[in-house]
Protein backbone atom coordinates (compact mmCIF):
# COMPACT_ATOMS: atom_id res chain seq x y z
CA MET A 1 -3.74 27.49 -2.75
CA LYS A 2 -2.10 26.39 0.95
CA THR A 3 -4.13 24.81 3.68
CA THR A 4 -4.54 23.97 7.20
CA ILE A 5 -7.01 22.31 7.75
CA ARG A 6 -6.06 18.25 8.68
CA ARG A 7 -7.68 15.17 7.41
CA TYR A 8 -8.35 13.10 10.03
CA ASP A 9 -10.57 10.60 7.32
CA LEU A 10 -6.92 10.48 5.50
CA ASP A 11 -5.09 9.20 8.83
CA TRP A 12 -8.16 7.29 9.43
CA LEU A 13 -8.06 5.63 5.70
CA ARG A 14 -4.53 4.77 6.09
CA VAL A 15 -4.52 3.11 9.10
CA ILE A 16 -7.50 0.97 8.26
CA VAL A 17 -5.71 0.22 5.25
CA PHE A 18 -2.27 -1.08 6.88
CA GLY A 19 -4.50 -3.08 9.16
CA LEU A 20 -6.14 -4.39 6.14
CA LEU A 21 -2.43 -5.27 4.89
CA ILE A 22 -1.69 -6.94 7.99
CA LEU A 23 -4.64 -9.36 6.71
CA TYR A 24 -4.07 -9.64 3.53
CA HIS A 25 -0.24 -11.24 4.09
CA VAL A 26 -2.25 -13.95 7.11
CA GLY A 27 -4.59 -14.74 3.88
CA MET A 28 -1.83 -15.80 1.70
CA PHE A 29 -0.82 -18.33 3.78
CA PHE A 30 -3.73 -19.95 3.01
CA VAL A 31 -4.24 -19.02 -0.78
CA PRO A 32 -3.45 -21.09 -3.84
CA TRP A 33 -0.45 -18.38 -4.96
CA GLY A 34 3.04 -18.37 -4.25
CA TRP A 35 4.08 -16.60 -0.88
CA HIS A 36 7.11 -17.32 1.45
CA VAL A 37 5.37 -19.84 3.58
CA LYS A 38 2.72 -21.60 2.72
CA ASN A 39 -0.45 -24.00 4.60
CA ASN A 40 -0.30 -27.27 4.69
CA GLU A 41 -4.15 -27.16 3.42
CA ILE A 42 -5.03 -24.53 0.93
CA TYR A 43 -8.76 -23.54 1.18
CA ASP A 44 -9.60 -22.23 -2.74
CA TRP A 45 -12.91 -20.11 -2.02
CA LEU A 46 -10.61 -17.65 -0.06
CA ARG A 47 -9.00 -15.86 -2.78
CA TRP A 48 -12.27 -14.15 -3.79
CA PRO A 49 -12.44 -11.89 -1.37
CA MET A 50 -8.44 -11.73 -1.21
CA LEU A 51 -8.61 -10.84 -5.01
CA PHE A 52 -11.27 -8.09 -4.53
CA LEU A 53 -9.20 -6.64 -1.52
CA ASN A 54 -5.78 -6.94 -3.46
CA GLN A 55 -7.64 -5.11 -6.43
CA TRP A 56 -7.85 -1.85 -4.46
CA ARG A 57 -5.57 -1.90 -1.12
CA LEU A 58 -2.74 -0.51 -2.49
CA PRO A 59 -3.64 1.75 -5.29
CA ILE A 60 -5.39 3.81 -2.54
CA LEU A 61 -2.01 3.69 -0.21
CA PHE A 62 0.05 5.81 -3.49
CA VAL A 63 -3.30 8.20 -3.54
CA ILE A 64 -3.53 8.74 -0.15
CA SER A 65 0.67 9.56 0.28
CA GLY A 66 -0.20 11.40 -3.21
CA MET A 67 -2.18 14.08 -0.45
CA GLY A 68 0.30 13.90 1.80
CA THR A 69 3.03 15.22 -0.54
CA TYR A 70 0.89 17.82 -0.88
CA TYR A 71 0.43 19.08 2.56
CA ALA A 72 4.45 18.31 3.07
CA LEU A 73 5.48 20.82 0.44
CA GLY A 74 2.90 23.44 2.07
CA LYS A 75 5.72 23.29 4.95
CA ARG A 76 8.97 22.52 2.95
CA SER A 77 11.11 23.55 0.37
CA MET A 78 12.04 21.18 -2.52
CA GLY A 79 15.09 20.66 -0.97
CA LYS A 80 14.40 19.91 3.09
CA PHE A 81 11.41 17.92 1.51
CA VAL A 82 13.54 15.46 -0.81
CA TRP A 83 15.99 15.15 2.32
CA GLU A 84 12.90 14.28 4.44
CA ARG A 85 11.53 11.80 1.59
CA PHE A 86 15.18 10.39 2.32
CA LEU A 87 15.65 9.99 5.77
CA ARG A 88 11.77 8.99 6.20
CA LEU A 89 11.55 6.54 3.61
CA GLY A 90 15.42 5.72 2.83
CA ILE A 91 16.67 4.96 5.92
CA PRO A 92 13.46 2.58 7.41
CA LEU A 93 14.04 0.71 4.20
CA VAL A 94 18.05 0.32 4.20
CA VAL A 95 16.87 -1.19 8.29
CA GLY A 96 14.60 -3.34 6.98
CA MET A 97 16.63 -4.83 4.33
CA ILE A 98 19.83 -5.41 7.22
CA LEU A 99 17.28 -6.52 9.99
CA ILE A 100 13.73 -7.05 9.09
CA VAL A 101 13.21 -9.10 6.03
CA PRO A 102 16.28 -11.19 6.44
CA PRO A 103 14.76 -13.86 9.19
CA GLN A 104 11.39 -13.74 6.31
CA VAL A 105 13.97 -15.05 3.59
CA TYR A 106 15.52 -17.61 5.95
CA PHE A 107 12.09 -19.48 6.66
CA GLU A 108 11.57 -19.38 2.92
CA ARG A 109 15.03 -21.18 2.59
CA LEU A 110 14.66 -23.78 5.57
CA VAL A 111 11.17 -24.95 3.66
CA GLU A 112 12.67 -24.81 0.85
CA GLY A 113 15.32 -26.98 2.12
CA THR A 114 18.76 -25.21 0.18
CA PHE A 115 19.40 -24.21 4.14
CA SER A 116 19.49 -25.46 7.32
CA GLY A 117 20.82 -24.18 10.54
CA SER A 118 20.41 -21.92 12.73
CA TYR A 119 19.50 -17.73 11.79
CA TRP A 120 22.62 -17.05 13.12
CA GLU A 121 24.54 -19.05 10.85
CA TYR A 122 22.60 -17.90 8.23
CA PHE A 123 22.64 -14.40 8.89
CA THR A 124 26.54 -14.59 9.09
CA THR A 125 27.69 -16.09 6.07
CA ILE A 126 24.77 -16.27 3.34
CA ALA A 127 21.98 -13.78 4.39
CA PHE A 128 23.09 -11.36 1.92
CA ASP A 129 24.60 -12.82 -0.87
CA GLY A 130 23.26 -12.37 -3.94
CA VAL A 131 19.73 -10.29 -4.96
CA TYR A 132 16.82 -12.47 -4.64
CA PRO A 133 15.20 -14.28 -5.63
CA GLU A 134 18.40 -16.66 -6.90
CA GLY A 135 20.19 -14.56 -3.74
CA ASN A 136 19.04 -13.57 -0.21
CA LEU A 137 18.94 -10.08 -0.28
CA SER A 138 15.51 -8.25 -1.00
CA TRP A 139 13.30 -5.84 0.60
CA HIS A 140 10.71 -8.40 0.22
CA HIS A 141 6.79 -6.41 1.73
CA LEU A 142 9.11 -3.02 1.57
CA TRP A 143 9.27 -2.52 -1.99
CA PHE A 144 6.44 -0.20 -1.26
CA LEU A 145 9.21 2.29 0.41
CA PRO A 146 11.62 2.51 -2.44
CA TYR A 147 8.56 3.15 -4.91
CA LEU A 148 7.65 5.81 -2.82
CA LEU A 149 10.74 7.33 -2.41
CA VAL A 150 11.52 7.25 -6.03
CA PHE A 151 7.93 9.32 -7.20
CA SER A 152 8.43 11.62 -4.54
CA TRP A 153 11.75 11.91 -6.15
CA ILE A 154 10.45 12.13 -9.69
CA GLN A 155 7.66 14.22 -9.20
CA ALA A 156 9.02 17.13 -7.19
CA PRO A 157 9.92 19.43 -9.35
CA MET A 158 6.54 19.85 -11.08
CA PHE A 159 4.46 19.59 -7.28
CA VAL A 160 6.13 22.14 -6.83
CA TYR A 161 5.97 24.05 -8.96
CA LEU A 162 1.65 23.18 -9.71
CA ARG A 163 1.20 24.09 -5.92
CA LYS A 164 2.98 27.28 -6.08
CA GLN A 165 2.69 28.68 -9.36
CA ASN A 166 0.85 26.99 -12.11
CA THR A 167 -3.38 27.04 -10.51
CA ARG A 168 -4.24 27.16 -13.93
CA PHE A 169 -3.55 23.34 -14.07
CA ILE A 170 -4.70 22.39 -10.53
CA ASP A 171 -8.16 25.09 -11.91
CA TRP A 172 -8.62 22.80 -15.19
CA VAL A 173 -8.38 19.35 -12.92
CA LYS A 174 -11.28 21.51 -10.25
CA GLY A 175 -13.30 22.00 -13.28
CA ILE A 176 -13.44 17.93 -14.48
CA VAL A 177 -13.84 17.10 -10.92
CA GLN A 178 -16.87 19.37 -10.55
CA LYS A 179 -18.44 17.66 -13.70
CA THR A 180 -21.04 14.90 -12.61
CA TRP A 181 -18.95 12.27 -13.59
CA GLY A 182 -16.13 14.15 -14.06
CA ILE A 183 -14.23 11.99 -11.06
CA TYR A 184 -14.08 8.95 -13.38
CA LEU A 185 -12.86 10.93 -16.47
CA PHE A 186 -9.32 9.77 -14.25
CA VAL A 187 -10.29 6.08 -14.90
CA ILE A 188 -8.66 6.91 -19.14
CA PRO A 189 -4.64 6.57 -17.78
CA LEU A 190 -5.09 3.97 -15.62
CA TYR A 191 -6.90 1.78 -18.43
CA PHE A 192 -4.41 2.58 -21.56
CA VAL A 193 -1.57 1.29 -19.04
CA GLU A 194 -3.26 -2.07 -17.56
CA SER A 195 -4.55 -2.88 -21.53
CA LEU A 196 -1.84 -2.00 -22.93
CA ILE A 197 0.92 -2.19 -20.85
CA GLU A 198 0.45 -4.93 -18.18
CA PRO A 199 0.24 -7.98 -20.76
CA PHE A 200 3.98 -7.59 -20.84
CA PHE A 201 5.15 -6.55 -17.92
CA ASP A 202 4.59 -8.96 -15.05
CA ILE A 203 4.94 -7.40 -11.26
CA THR A 204 8.01 -7.76 -9.83
CA HIS A 205 8.30 -5.11 -7.32
CA ALA A 206 11.89 -5.06 -8.50
CA LEU A 207 11.74 -0.95 -9.21
CA VAL A 208 13.96 -1.65 -12.22
CA ASP A 209 12.23 -4.03 -14.18
CA ASP A 210 8.30 -2.97 -12.89
CA TRP A 211 7.65 -0.98 -15.61
CA PHE A 212 3.35 -1.66 -15.21
CA ASN A 213 3.16 -1.62 -11.74
CA PHE A 214 6.10 1.32 -11.70
CA ILE A 215 3.58 3.73 -14.13
CA PHE A 216 0.30 2.45 -12.96
CA SER A 217 1.54 3.35 -8.96
CA ILE A 218 3.03 6.81 -10.14
CA ILE A 219 -0.04 7.92 -11.70
CA LEU A 220 -2.26 6.93 -8.79
CA PHE A 221 0.79 9.17 -6.49
CA PHE A 222 0.34 11.98 -9.15
CA TYR A 223 -3.33 11.92 -8.84
CA GLY A 224 -3.86 11.93 -4.98
CA PHE A 225 -1.59 15.35 -5.11
CA VAL A 226 -4.11 16.99 -7.72
CA LEU A 227 -7.76 16.07 -6.25
CA ILE A 228 -6.07 16.78 -2.61
CA ALA A 229 -5.33 20.19 -4.69
CA THR A 230 -8.53 21.26 -6.11
CA GLY A 231 -9.47 21.48 -2.47
CA ASP A 232 -13.13 21.80 -1.59
CA ALA A 233 -14.33 20.41 -5.01
CA PHE A 234 -13.09 16.65 -4.66
CA TRP A 235 -14.89 16.61 -1.37
CA GLN A 236 -17.73 17.51 -2.45
CA ALA A 237 -17.72 15.29 -6.20
CA LEU A 238 -17.32 12.40 -3.56
CA ALA A 239 -20.34 13.10 -1.98
CA ARG A 240 -22.61 13.51 -5.08
CA ILE A 241 -20.98 10.09 -6.55
CA LYS A 242 -20.70 8.04 -3.76
CA LYS A 243 -23.30 5.88 -3.92
CA LYS A 244 -22.96 5.36 -7.89
CA ALA A 245 -19.04 4.53 -7.29
CA LEU A 246 -19.90 1.55 -4.67
CA VAL A 247 -22.64 0.37 -7.49
CA LEU A 248 -20.08 0.69 -10.19
CA GLY A 249 -17.29 -0.67 -7.96
CA VAL A 250 -19.80 -3.49 -7.03
CA ILE A 251 -21.11 -3.87 -10.79
CA GLY A 252 -16.81 -4.04 -11.89
CA PHE A 253 -15.41 -6.44 -9.73
CA ILE A 254 -18.64 -9.23 -10.14
CA GLY A 255 -17.88 -8.39 -14.07
CA GLN A 256 -13.60 -9.63 -13.61
CA VAL A 257 -15.56 -12.72 -11.20
CA ILE A 258 -17.86 -13.83 -14.25
CA ILE A 259 -15.26 -13.69 -16.71
CA TRP A 260 -12.30 -15.52 -14.99
CA LEU A 261 -15.27 -18.13 -14.25
CA PHE A 262 -16.71 -18.44 -18.24
CA PHE A 263 -15.15 -16.69 -21.07
CA GLU A 264 -11.24 -18.05 -22.51
CA ASP A 265 -8.55 -15.06 -23.14
CA GLY A 266 -8.98 -13.39 -26.25
CA TYR A 267 -8.50 -9.44 -27.22
CA VAL A 268 -12.18 -8.65 -26.89
CA ILE A 269 -12.33 -10.34 -23.28
CA HIS A 270 -8.75 -8.77 -21.85
CA PHE A 271 -9.93 -5.64 -22.93
CA SER A 272 -13.30 -6.12 -21.35
CA GLU A 273 -11.47 -7.29 -17.99
CA ALA A 274 -8.84 -4.85 -17.97
CA LEU A 275 -11.87 -1.59 -18.29
CA LEU A 276 -13.78 -3.31 -15.27
CA LYS A 277 -10.36 -3.75 -13.25
CA VAL A 278 -9.60 -0.07 -13.74
CA VAL A 279 -13.62 0.91 -12.80
CA ASN A 280 -13.24 -1.48 -9.92
CA ILE A 281 -9.86 -0.20 -8.62
CA TRP A 282 -11.35 3.88 -8.85
CA SER A 283 -14.40 2.66 -7.82
CA TRP A 284 -13.88 1.54 -4.49
CA ILE A 285 -10.58 4.15 -3.68
CA LEU A 286 -13.80 7.11 -4.19
CA VAL A 287 -16.15 5.08 -2.30
CA LEU A 288 -13.42 4.53 0.78
CA PHE A 289 -12.72 8.41 0.41
CA ALA A 290 -16.50 9.29 0.62
CA TYR A 291 -17.43 7.43 3.43
CA ALA A 292 -14.71 7.94 5.44
CA SER A 293 -14.93 12.09 4.86
CA GLN A 294 -18.38 11.14 5.88
CA TYR A 295 -17.80 9.09 9.45
CA LEU A 296 -14.42 9.84 10.10
CA ASN A 297 -13.05 12.81 10.10
CA LYS A 298 -12.68 13.40 13.54
CA PRO A 299 -9.44 13.13 16.08
CA SER A 300 -9.24 10.99 18.47
CA LYS A 301 -6.57 9.88 20.81
CA ARG A 302 -6.48 6.32 19.61
CA LEU A 303 -6.10 7.71 15.95
CA SER A 304 -3.13 9.92 17.05
CA TYR A 305 -1.95 6.26 18.60
CA ALA A 306 -1.98 4.53 15.25
CA ASN A 307 -1.23 6.95 13.50
CA ARG A 308 1.81 7.09 14.71
CA ALA A 309 1.95 3.40 15.38
CA VAL A 310 1.09 2.57 11.53
CA TYR A 311 4.57 2.95 10.19
CA PRO A 312 6.32 0.62 12.10
CA PHE A 313 4.36 -2.15 12.56
CA TYR A 314 3.78 -1.56 8.47
CA ILE A 315 7.78 -2.62 8.95
CA LEU A 316 7.87 -5.23 11.49
CA HIS A 317 4.03 -7.22 10.18
CA GLN A 318 5.46 -9.72 7.39
CA THR A 319 8.19 -10.85 8.86
CA ILE A 320 6.44 -11.69 11.97
CA THR A 321 3.57 -13.15 10.08
CA VAL A 322 6.44 -15.78 8.25
CA GLY A 323 7.60 -16.49 11.63
CA ILE A 324 4.60 -17.91 13.38
CA ALA A 325 3.12 -19.56 10.29
CA TYR A 326 6.40 -21.51 9.57
CA TYR A 327 5.98 -23.14 12.93
CA LEU A 328 2.11 -23.97 11.81
CA LYS A 329 2.43 -25.11 8.48
CA ASP A 330 2.26 -28.82 9.00
CA LEU A 331 -0.16 -28.66 12.13
CA ASP A 332 -3.91 -30.29 11.11
CA TRP A 333 -5.76 -27.62 13.17
CA GLY A 334 -7.69 -25.76 10.35
CA LEU A 335 -8.43 -22.47 8.98
CA PHE A 336 -9.91 -20.63 11.64
CA PRO A 337 -6.89 -21.29 14.56
CA LYS A 338 -4.63 -20.85 12.79
CA ALA A 339 -5.70 -17.76 11.33
CA MET A 340 -6.42 -16.35 14.75
CA ILE A 341 -3.09 -17.55 15.84
CA LEU A 342 -1.80 -15.05 13.31
CA ILE A 343 -3.65 -12.26 13.19
CA VAL A 344 -3.48 -12.51 17.20
CA GLY A 345 -0.03 -13.28 17.16
CA THR A 346 0.89 -10.39 13.51
CA PHE A 347 -0.77 -7.54 15.74
CA GLY A 348 0.40 -8.39 19.64
CA ILE A 349 3.95 -9.16 18.42
CA SER A 350 3.92 -6.05 16.76
CA TRP A 351 2.68 -4.09 19.15
CA LEU A 352 4.51 -5.37 22.21
CA ILE A 353 7.75 -4.68 19.85
CA TYR A 354 6.46 -1.18 19.12
CA ASP A 355 5.13 0.32 22.53
CA LEU A 356 7.88 -1.18 24.85
CA ILE A 357 10.74 -1.32 22.79
CA ILE A 358 11.00 1.16 19.54
CA LEU A 359 8.40 4.08 21.32
CA ARG A 360 10.71 3.68 24.87
CA ILE A 361 14.18 4.37 22.61
CA ARG A 362 14.65 7.33 21.09
CA ILE A 363 17.50 6.36 18.91
CA LEU A 364 15.14 3.93 17.56
CA HIS A 365 12.59 6.27 16.33
CA PRO A 366 14.03 7.40 12.63
CA LEU A 367 15.27 3.33 11.67
CA PHE A 368 11.51 3.16 12.01
CA GLY A 369 10.49 6.21 10.44
CA LEU A 370 9.18 7.70 13.34
CA LYS A 371 9.04 11.74 13.48
CA GLY A 372 8.05 13.36 16.44
CA LYS A 373 5.04 13.34 19.22
CA ALA A 374 1.89 13.71 16.54
CA LYS A 375 1.09 17.65 16.48
CA LYS A 376 -2.83 18.80 15.08
CA LYS A 377 -0.76 19.79 11.57
CA PRO A 378 -1.74 18.58 8.18
CA ALA A 379 -0.87 14.51 7.14
CA ASP A 380 2.41 13.83 5.36
């Protein structure tokens, strides 16, 4: 089951999806949903592309992370893996909660009128008083890190067992994947979680009470591990199914839009919408893997740089977006100028901080999840 082949398409997908995450957070400034800072004019039509992106952008990252875990466990003992996950995820989380996230909460409190004064006054007085939203201590957009850390720790013993001893289970999964529509059987557990658990547990990103999001995401993380473990069977299945998956993805999202616009809530509608949603999510995940495998599975200097930069960008970006948004929110400049300033400003400032500060000061590397210089080895 051991493999030494690096999947450059997975690296590209991770970079692309995190780039889309920045665009998504810029969009949150303009749509009707609650966010940390809101524009003075809301654009209702923008919620449709945002809804489309929102359904699969984080699920695919959990799948990719599960795949990376498979590779990581091929080079490390379980104990070393557990410790490495803490260093890679836990330390940046703590640093982020102390240094990166507090400015976001500061701007929120200014907008709400619950605090006035300089950031220094805020940071040295109430920045760490209580837990958000009642208090101010939060991990905000970094919630992905504690979830991934817990998922890795919980499933590490099972993953080690599956990778090194129990080939029967992987062979069974491989047999499913090799069937024409077998890969869509993975939708079934997601459907039960979506239809039976989601109605009772709102997504909070608080880890301890976020049962729907926790269960749904850990299943996807597990899927990533077992699918990459099947080797060529998975990639061959993607090549066979990609066009059908694309059609199902389009049908799944359009079906949801029709329900949202024209139907009232009810049991039949709820279970129908849940099915359309999970089919939509899984289809777009398969589509992205399939076309990335076809067109992006090749190394490049740009990929090497971007793949190393993506983690610090993720840690930094939302604070920069919120900070810029605060000073744009009351200006009557329209959607396009503000969006361009936010996009260019977020990417540009993130890059300057990464390239001119983080990358050049080695003591900062572990604080932002950076390892040694990228080499040609399996992604993790």
